[in-house]
Amino acid sequence: MPVTLRSKTLQKDGETLTSDGRSTPAKQEVHLITGGGGFAGFCLGRRLAGQGHRVILADVNEPLWDLTNNMEFVKVGMNG
């Protein structure tokens, strides 16, 4: 089941600075979607990106579909 979390950000001079040092417009929300390589997670991410939000998809499997603007994919794994 996909989960969306809002990232912690700092605002400076009308821009938002994310934890990885990127700056985005202050009103753009950033969403991290776990399970983003699957159909439901990817569709949620595409919808949010289409609304102008920055989306980070995280999953063990890469998505089968092309990423749109404002989307990026991070491959994650579980060790245990």
PDB file of N, CA and C in Angstrom:
ATOM      1  N   MET A   1       0.840  -1.177   0.000  1.00  0.00           N
ATOM      2  CA  MET A   1       0.000   0.000   0.000  1.00  0.00           C
ATOM      3  C   MET A   1       0.885   1.241   0.000  1.00  0.00           C
ATOM      4  N   PRO A   2       0.722   2.152  -0.959  1.00  0.00           N
ATOM      5  CA  PRO A   2       1.550   3.350  -1.025  1.00  0.00           C
ATOM      6  C   PRO A   2       1.303   4.271   0.172  1.00  0.00           C
ATOM      7  N   VAL A   3       2.355   4.905   0.598  1.00  0.00           N
ATOM      8  CA  VAL A   3       2.275   5.860   1.703  1.00  0.00           C
ATOM      9  C   VAL A   3       2.927   7.148   1.254  1.00  0.00           C
ATOM     10  N   THR A   4       2.281   8.281   1.500  1.00  0.00           N
ATOM     11  CA  THR A   4       2.840   9.580   1.156  1.00  0.00           C
ATOM     12  C   THR A   4       3.247  10.292   2.426  1.00  0.00           C
ATOM     13  N   LEU A   5       4.486  10.742   2.462  1.00  0.00           N
ATOM     14  CA  LEU A   5       4.995  11.506   3.598  1.00  0.00           C
ATOM     15  C   LEU A   5       5.478  12.852   3.094  1.00  0.00           C
ATOM     16  N   ARG A   6       5.192  13.897   3.822  1.00  0.00           N
ATOM     17  CA  ARG A   6       5.730  15.197   3.461  1.00  0.00           C
ATOM     18  C   ARG A   6       7.128  15.312   4.040  1.00  0.00           C
ATOM     19  N   SER A   7       8.042  15.831   3.244  1.00  0.00           N
ATOM     20  CA  SER A   7       9.419  15.931   3.712  1.00  0.00           C
ATOM     21  C   SER A   7       9.587  17.153   4.607  1.00  0.00           C
ATOM     22  N   LYS A   8      10.625  17.111   5.423  1.00  0.00           N
ATOM     23  CA  LYS A   8      10.969  18.261   6.246  1.00  0.00           C
ATOM     24  C   LYS A   8      11.765  19.224   5.380  1.00  0.00           C
ATOM     25  N   THR A   9      11.394  20.480   5.416  1.00  0.00           N
ATOM     26  CA  THR A   9      12.048  21.465   4.560  1.00  0.00           C
ATOM     27  C   THR A   9      12.374  22.722   5.347  1.00  0.00           C
ATOM     28  N   LEU A  10      13.274  23.506   4.784  1.00  0.00           N
ATOM     29  CA  LEU A  10      13.602  24.817   5.311  1.00  0.00           C
ATOM     30  C   LEU A  10      13.248  25.832   4.241  1.00  0.00           C
ATOM     31  N   GLN A  11      12.724  26.976   4.661  1.00  0.00           N
ATOM     32  CA  GLN A  11      12.392  28.010   3.693  1.00  0.00           C
ATOM     33  C   GLN A  11      13.373  29.161   3.811  1.00  0.00           C
ATOM     34  N   LYS A  12      13.806  29.661   2.660  1.00  0.00           N
ATOM     35  CA  LYS A  12      14.735  30.780   2.626  1.00  0.00           C
ATOM     36  C   LYS A  12      14.479  31.581   1.357  1.00  0.00           C
ATOM     37  N   ASP A  13      14.224  32.865   1.507  1.00  0.00           N
ATOM     38  CA  ASP A  13      14.043  33.769   0.370  1.00  0.00           C
ATOM     39  C   ASP A  13      13.014  33.265  -0.640  1.00  0.00           C
ATOM     40  N   GLY A  14      11.872  32.797  -0.155  1.00  0.00           N
ATOM     41  CA  GLY A  14      10.795  32.371  -1.051  1.00  0.00           C
ATOM     42  C   GLY A  14      11.018  31.020  -1.696  1.00  0.00           C
ATOM     43  N   GLU A  15      12.086  30.304  -1.304  1.00  0.00           N
ATOM     44  CA  GLU A  15      12.334  28.973  -1.846  1.00  0.00           C
ATOM     45  C   GLU A  15      12.366  27.962  -0.713  1.00  0.00           C
ATOM     46  N   THR A  16      12.117  26.730  -1.051  1.00  0.00           N
ATOM     47  CA  THR A  16      12.179  25.645  -0.083  1.00  0.00           C
ATOM     48  C   THR A  16      13.461  24.870  -0.318  1.00  0.00           C
ATOM     49  N   LEU A  17      14.240  24.669   0.732  1.00  0.00           N
ATOM     50  CA  LEU A  17      15.460  23.883   0.636  1.00  0.00           C
ATOM     51  C   LEU A  17      15.184  22.510   1.225  1.00  0.00           C
ATOM     52  N   THR A  18      15.370  21.466   0.431  1.00  0.00           N
ATOM     53  CA  THR A  18      15.111  20.108   0.902  1.00  0.00           C
ATOM     54  C   THR A  18      16.366  19.543   1.539  1.00  0.00           C
ATOM     55  N   SER A  19      16.233  18.373   2.158  1.00  0.00           N
ATOM     56  CA  SER A  19      17.354  17.766   2.867  1.00  0.00           C
ATOM     57  C   SER A  19      18.512  17.411   1.934  1.00  0.00           C
ATOM     58  N   ASP A  20      18.245  17.233   0.639  1.00  0.00           N
ATOM     59  CA  ASP A  20      19.327  16.920  -0.290  1.00  0.00           C
ATOM     60  C   ASP A  20      19.914  18.168  -0.940  1.00  0.00           C
ATOM     61  N   GLY A  21      19.535  19.344  -0.445  1.00  0.00           N
ATOM     62  CA  GLY A  21      20.120  20.599  -0.912  1.00  0.00           C
ATOM     63  C   GLY A  21      19.450  21.205  -2.123  1.00  0.00           C
ATOM     64  N   ARG A  22      18.426  20.577  -2.652  1.00  0.00           N
ATOM     65  CA  ARG A  22      17.724  21.142  -3.806  1.00  0.00           C
ATOM     66  C   ARG A  22      16.819  22.275  -3.353  1.00  0.00           C
ATOM     67  N   SER A  23      16.619  23.224  -4.209  1.00  0.00           N
ATOM     68  CA  SER A  23      15.677  24.286  -3.883  1.00  0.00           C
ATOM     69  C   SER A  23      14.494  24.187  -4.836  1.00  0.00           C
ATOM     70  N   THR A  24      13.317  24.372  -4.306  1.00  0.00           N
ATOM     71  CA  THR A  24      12.088  24.332  -5.072  1.00  0.00           C
ATOM     72  C   THR A  24      11.257  25.545  -4.667  1.00  0.00           C
ATOM     73  N   PRO A  25      10.305  25.963  -5.489  1.00  0.00           N
ATOM     74  CA  PRO A  25       9.450  27.081  -5.067  1.00  0.00           C
ATOM     75  C   PRO A  25       8.781  26.776  -3.735  1.00  0.00           C
ATOM     76  N   ALA A  26       8.586  27.805  -2.911  1.00  0.00           N
ATOM     77  CA  ALA A  26       8.093  27.619  -1.548  1.00  0.00           C
ATOM     78  C   ALA A  26       6.740  26.919  -1.494  1.00  0.00           C
ATOM     79  N   LYS A  27       5.879  27.102  -2.486  1.00  0.00           N
ATOM     80  CA  LYS A  27       4.538  26.526  -2.436  1.00  0.00           C
ATOM     81  C   LYS A  27       4.483  25.112  -2.993  1.00  0.00           C
ATOM     82  N   GLN A  28       5.572  24.618  -3.575  1.00  0.00           N
ATOM     83  CA  GLN A  28       5.576  23.269  -4.127  1.00  0.00           C
ATOM     84  C   GLN A  28       5.785  22.268  -3.001  1.00  0.00           C
ATOM     85  N   GLU A  29       4.863  21.340  -2.862  1.00  0.00           N
ATOM     86  CA  GLU A  29       4.982  20.301  -1.842  1.00  0.00           C
ATOM     87  C   GLU A  29       5.817  19.156  -2.391  1.00  0.00           C
ATOM     88  N   VAL A  30       6.528  18.487  -1.499  1.00  0.00           N
ATOM     89  CA  VAL A  30       7.347  17.335  -1.864  1.00  0.00           C
ATOM     90  C   VAL A  30       6.735  16.109  -1.197  1.00  0.00           C
ATOM     91  N   HIS A  31       6.500  15.065  -1.989  1.00  0.00           N
ATOM     92  CA  HIS A  31       5.882  13.843  -1.483  1.00  0.00           C
ATOM     93  C   HIS A  31       6.817  12.667  -1.729  1.00  0.00           C
ATOM     94  N   LEU A  32       7.020  11.858  -0.700  1.00  0.00           N
ATOM     95  CA  LEU A  32       7.753  10.603  -0.815  1.00  0.00           C
ATOM     96  C   LEU A  32       6.734   9.483  -0.806  1.00  0.00           C
ATOM     97  N   ILE A  33       6.725   8.689  -1.871  1.00  0.00           N
ATOM     98  CA  ILE A  33       5.747   7.609  -1.983  1.00  0.00           C
ATOM     99  C   ILE A  33       6.486   6.281  -1.940  1.00  0.00           C
ATOM    100  N   THR A  34       6.267   5.515  -0.870  1.00  0.00           N
ATOM    101  CA  THR A  34       6.826   4.175  -0.806  1.00  0.00           C
ATOM    102  C   THR A  34       5.942   3.256  -1.644  1.00  0.00           C
ATOM    103  N   GLY A  35       6.541   2.292  -2.292  1.00  0.00           N
ATOM    104  CA  GLY A  35       5.779   1.444  -3.201  1.00  0.00           C
ATOM    105  C   GLY A  35       5.542   2.146  -4.524  1.00  0.00           C
ATOM    106  N   GLY A  36       6.367   3.142  -4.834  1.00  0.00           N
ATOM    107  CA  GLY A  36       6.185   3.939  -6.043  1.00  0.00           C
ATOM    108  C   GLY A  36       6.503   3.214  -7.330  1.00  0.00           C
ATOM    109  N   GLY A  37       7.123   2.027  -7.246  1.00  0.00           N
ATOM    110  CA  GLY A  37       7.391   1.249  -8.450  1.00  0.00           C
ATOM    111  C   GLY A  37       6.196   0.437  -8.904  1.00  0.00           C
ATOM    112  N   GLY A  38       5.213   0.280  -8.033  1.00  0.00           N
ATOM    113  CA  GLY A  38       4.003  -0.465  -8.374  1.00  0.00           C
ATOM    114  C   GLY A  38       2.956   0.416  -9.033  1.00  0.00           C
ATOM    115  N   PHE A  39       1.898  -0.210  -9.502  1.00  0.00           N
ATOM    116  CA  PHE A  39       0.872   0.515 -10.252  1.00  0.00           C
ATOM    117  C   PHE A  39       0.195   1.600  -9.422  1.00  0.00           C
ATOM    118  N   ALA A  40      -0.279   1.259  -8.225  1.00  0.00           N
ATOM    119  CA  ALA A  40      -1.018   2.228  -7.410  1.00  0.00           C
ATOM    120  C   ALA A  40      -0.120   3.384  -6.971  1.00  0.00           C
ATOM    121  N   GLY A  41       1.086   3.074  -6.516  1.00  0.00           N
ATOM    122  CA  GLY A  41       2.007   4.118  -6.078  1.00  0.00           C
ATOM    123  C   GLY A  41       2.415   5.029  -7.218  1.00  0.00           C
ATOM    124  N   PHE A  42       2.659   4.429  -8.390  1.00  0.00           N
ATOM    125  CA  PHE A  42       3.048   5.232  -9.546  1.00  0.00           C
ATOM    126  C   PHE A  42       1.910   6.140  -9.990  1.00  0.00           C
ATOM    127  N   CYS A  43       0.694   5.621 -10.016  1.00  0.00           N
ATOM    128  CA  CYS A  43      -0.459   6.436 -10.422  1.00  0.00           C
ATOM    129  C   CYS A  43      -0.673   7.600  -9.464  1.00  0.00           C
ATOM    130  N   LEU A  44      -0.519   7.344  -8.165  1.00  0.00           N
ATOM    131  CA  LEU A  44      -0.623   8.417  -7.179  1.00  0.00           C
ATOM    132  C   LEU A  44       0.453   9.465  -7.424  1.00  0.00           C
ATOM    133  N   GLY A  45       1.679   9.018  -7.661  1.00  0.00           N
ATOM    134  CA  GLY A  45       2.773   9.946  -7.931  1.00  0.00           C
ATOM    135  C   GLY A  45       2.547  10.766  -9.187  1.00  0.00           C
ATOM    136  N   ARG A  46       2.057  10.124 -10.234  1.00  0.00           N
ATOM    137  CA  ARG A  46       1.800  10.842 -11.486  1.00  0.00           C
ATOM    138  C   ARG A  46       0.720  11.906 -11.304  1.00  0.00           C
ATOM    139  N   ARG A  47      -0.300  11.571 -10.521  1.00  0.00           N
ATOM    140  CA  ARG A  47      -1.367  12.538 -10.266  1.00  0.00           C
ATOM    141  C   ARG A  47      -0.839  13.744  -9.480  1.00  0.00           C
ATOM    142  N   LEU A  48      -0.056  13.479  -8.427  1.00  0.00           N
ATOM    143  CA  LEU A  48       0.512  14.567  -7.629  1.00  0.00           C
ATOM    144  C   LEU A  48       1.466  15.425  -8.462  1.00  0.00           C
ATOM    145  N   ALA A  49       2.292  14.769  -9.293  1.00  0.00           N
ATOM    146  CA  ALA A  49       3.214  15.515 -10.156  1.00  0.00           C
ATOM    147  C   ALA A  49       2.441  16.381 -11.150  1.00  0.00           C
ATOM    148  N   GLY A  50       1.336  15.855 -11.651  1.00  0.00           N
ATOM    149  CA  GLY A  50       0.496  16.614 -12.570  1.00  0.00           C
ATOM    150  C   GLY A  50      -0.135  17.839 -11.929  1.00  0.00           C
ATOM    151  N   GLN A  51      -0.262  17.811 -10.599  1.00  0.00           N
ATOM    152  CA  GLN A  51      -0.809  18.955  -9.867  1.00  0.00           C
ATOM    153  C   GLN A  51       0.300  19.934  -9.461  1.00  0.00           C
ATOM    154  N   GLY A  52       1.541  19.670  -9.917  1.00  0.00           N
ATOM    155  CA  GLY A  52       2.642  20.589  -9.663  1.00  0.00           C
ATOM    156  C   GLY A  52       3.496  20.261  -8.452  1.00  0.00           C
ATOM    157  N   HIS A  53       3.255  19.123  -7.805  1.00  0.00           N
ATOM    158  CA  HIS A  53       4.049  18.728  -6.644  1.00  0.00           C
ATOM    159  C   HIS A  53       5.299  17.977  -7.094  1.00  0.00           C
ATOM    160  N   ARG A  54       6.342  18.067  -6.300  1.00  0.00           N
ATOM    161  CA  ARG A  54       7.543  17.263  -6.543  1.00  0.00           C
ATOM    162  C   ARG A  54       7.322  15.902  -5.897  1.00  0.00           C
ATOM    163  N   VAL A  55       7.599  14.822  -6.628  1.00  0.00           N
ATOM    164  CA  VAL A  55       7.311  13.473  -6.164  1.00  0.00           C
ATOM    165  C   VAL A  55       8.580  12.634  -6.207  1.00  0.00           C
ATOM    166  N   ILE A  56       8.844  11.934  -5.107  1.00  0.00           N
ATOM    167  CA  ILE A  56       9.940  10.986  -5.043  1.00  0.00           C
ATOM    168  C   ILE A  56       9.327   9.602  -4.834  1.00  0.00           C
ATOM    169  N   LEU A  57       9.544   8.713  -5.798  1.00  0.00           N
ATOM    170  CA  LEU A  57       9.035   7.353  -5.720  1.00  0.00           C
ATOM    171  C   LEU A  57      10.137   6.463  -5.154  1.00  0.00           C
ATOM    172  N   ALA A  58       9.835   5.702  -4.132  1.00  0.00           N
ATOM    173  CA  ALA A  58      10.811   4.791  -3.532  1.00  0.00           C
ATOM    174  C   ALA A  58      10.252   3.378  -3.567  1.00  0.00           C
ATOM    175  N   ASP A  59      11.064   2.429  -4.047  1.00  0.00           N
ATOM    176  CA  ASP A  59      10.610   1.044  -4.114  1.00  0.00           C
ATOM    177  C   ASP A  59      11.812   0.132  -4.359  1.00  0.00           C
ATOM    178  N   VAL A  60      11.596  -1.155  -4.150  1.00  0.00           N
ATOM    179  CA  VAL A  60      12.600  -2.165  -4.460  1.00  0.00           C
ATOM    180  C   VAL A  60      12.664  -2.365  -5.977  1.00  0.00           C
ATOM    181  N   ASN A  61      11.518  -2.271  -6.629  1.00  0.00           N
ATOM    182  CA  ASN A  61      11.412  -2.463  -8.075  1.00  0.00           C
ATOM    183  C   ASN A  61      11.244  -1.125  -8.778  1.00  0.00           C
ATOM    184  N   GLU A  62      11.923  -0.976  -9.913  1.00  0.00           N
ATOM    185  CA  GLU A  62      11.774   0.248 -10.701  1.00  0.00           C
ATOM    186  C   GLU A  62      10.410   0.238 -11.390  1.00  0.00           C
ATOM    187  N   PRO A  63       9.825   1.432 -11.573  1.00  0.00           N
ATOM    188  CA  PRO A  63       8.529   1.487 -12.264  1.00  0.00           C
ATOM    189  C   PRO A  63       8.668   1.056 -13.727  1.00  0.00           C
ATOM    190  N   LEU A  64       7.615   0.476 -14.265  1.00  0.00           N
ATOM    191  CA  LEU A  64       7.601   0.050 -15.660  1.00  0.00           C
ATOM    192  C   LEU A  64       7.256   1.194 -16.604  1.00  0.00           C
ATOM    193  N   TRP A  65       6.811   2.323 -16.051  1.00  0.00           N
ATOM    194  CA  TRP A  65       6.348   3.446 -16.832  1.00  0.00           C
ATOM    195  C   TRP A  65       7.346   4.596 -16.758  1.00  0.00           C
ATOM    196  N   ASP A  66       7.289   5.477 -17.744  1.00  0.00           N
ATOM    197  CA  ASP A  66       8.193   6.621 -17.786  1.00  0.00           C
ATOM    198  C   ASP A  66       7.803   7.652 -16.732  1.00  0.00           C
ATOM    199  N   LEU A  67       8.806   8.249 -16.101  1.00  0.00           N
ATOM    200  CA  LEU A  67       8.563   9.305 -15.118  1.00  0.00           C
ATOM    201  C   LEU A  67       8.220  10.600 -15.847  1.00  0.00           C
ATOM    202  N   THR A  68       7.335  11.367 -15.258  1.00  0.00           N
ATOM    203  CA  THR A  68       6.963  12.656 -15.820  1.00  0.00           C
ATOM    204  C   THR A  68       7.756  13.753 -15.119  1.00  0.00           C
ATOM    205  N   ASN A  69       7.519  14.990 -15.487  1.00  0.00           N
ATOM    206  CA  ASN A  69       8.172  16.120 -14.823  1.00  0.00           C
ATOM    207  C   ASN A  69       7.848  16.098 -13.338  1.00  0.00           C
ATOM    208  N   ASN A  70       8.771  16.557 -12.528  1.00  0.00           N
ATOM    209  CA  ASN A  70       8.625  16.636 -11.072  1.00  0.00           C
ATOM    210  C   ASN A  70       8.663  15.271 -10.393  1.00  0.00           C
ATOM    211  N   MET A  71       9.016  14.201 -11.124  1.00  0.00           N
ATOM    212  CA  MET A  71       9.090  12.867 -10.527  1.00  0.00           C
ATOM    213  C   MET A  71      10.518  12.353 -10.577  1.00  0.00           C
ATOM    214  N   GLU A  72      10.913  11.638  -9.523  1.00  0.00           N
ATOM    215  CA  GLU A  72      12.188  10.930  -9.538  1.00  0.00           C
ATOM    216  C   GLU A  72      12.013   9.608  -8.806  1.00  0.00           C
ATOM    217  N   PHE A  73      12.884   8.653  -9.130  1.00  0.00           N
ATOM    218  CA  PHE A  73      12.800   7.330  -8.529  1.00  0.00           C
ATOM    219  C   PHE A  73      14.052   7.050  -7.713  1.00  0.00           C
ATOM    220  N   VAL A  74      13.871   6.458  -6.532  1.00  0.00           N
ATOM    221  CA  VAL A  74      14.968   6.050  -5.667  1.00  0.00           C
ATOM    222  C   VAL A  74      14.787   4.568  -5.368  1.00  0.00           C
ATOM    223  N   LYS A  75      15.796   3.757  -5.721  1.00  0.00           N
ATOM    224  CA  LYS A  75      15.729   2.321  -5.448  1.00  0.00           C
ATOM    225  C   LYS A  75      16.132   2.102  -3.989  1.00  0.00           C
ATOM    226  N   VAL A  76      15.271   1.444  -3.240  1.00  0.00           N
ATOM    227  CA  VAL A  76      15.536   1.162  -1.831  1.00  0.00           C
ATOM    228  C   VAL A  76      15.409  -0.336  -1.601  1.00  0.00           C
ATOM    229  N   GLY A  77      16.045  -0.821  -0.560  1.00  0.00           N
ATOM    230  CA  GLY A  77      15.968  -2.222  -0.229  1.00  0.00           C
ATOM    231  C   GLY A  77      15.805  -2.390   1.279  1.00  0.00           C
ATOM    232  N   MET A  78      15.382  -3.547   1.656  1.00  0.00           N
ATOM    233  CA  MET A  78      15.221  -3.832   3.083  1.00  0.00           C
ATOM    234  C   MET A  78      16.202  -4.929   3.452  1.00  0.00           C
ATOM    235  N   ASN A  79      17.063  -4.639   4.392  1.00  0.00           N
ATOM    236  CA  ASN A  79      18.018  -5.631   4.885  1.00  0.00           C
ATOM    237  C   ASN A  79      17.558  -6.080   6.263  1.00  0.00           C
ATOM    238  N   GLY A  80      17.478  -7.331   6.452  1.00  0.00           N
ATOM    239  CA  GLY A  80      17.059  -7.762   7.764  1.00  0.00           C
ATOM    240  C   GLY A  80      16.895  -9.230   7.926  1.00  0.00           C
TER     241      GLY A  80
END
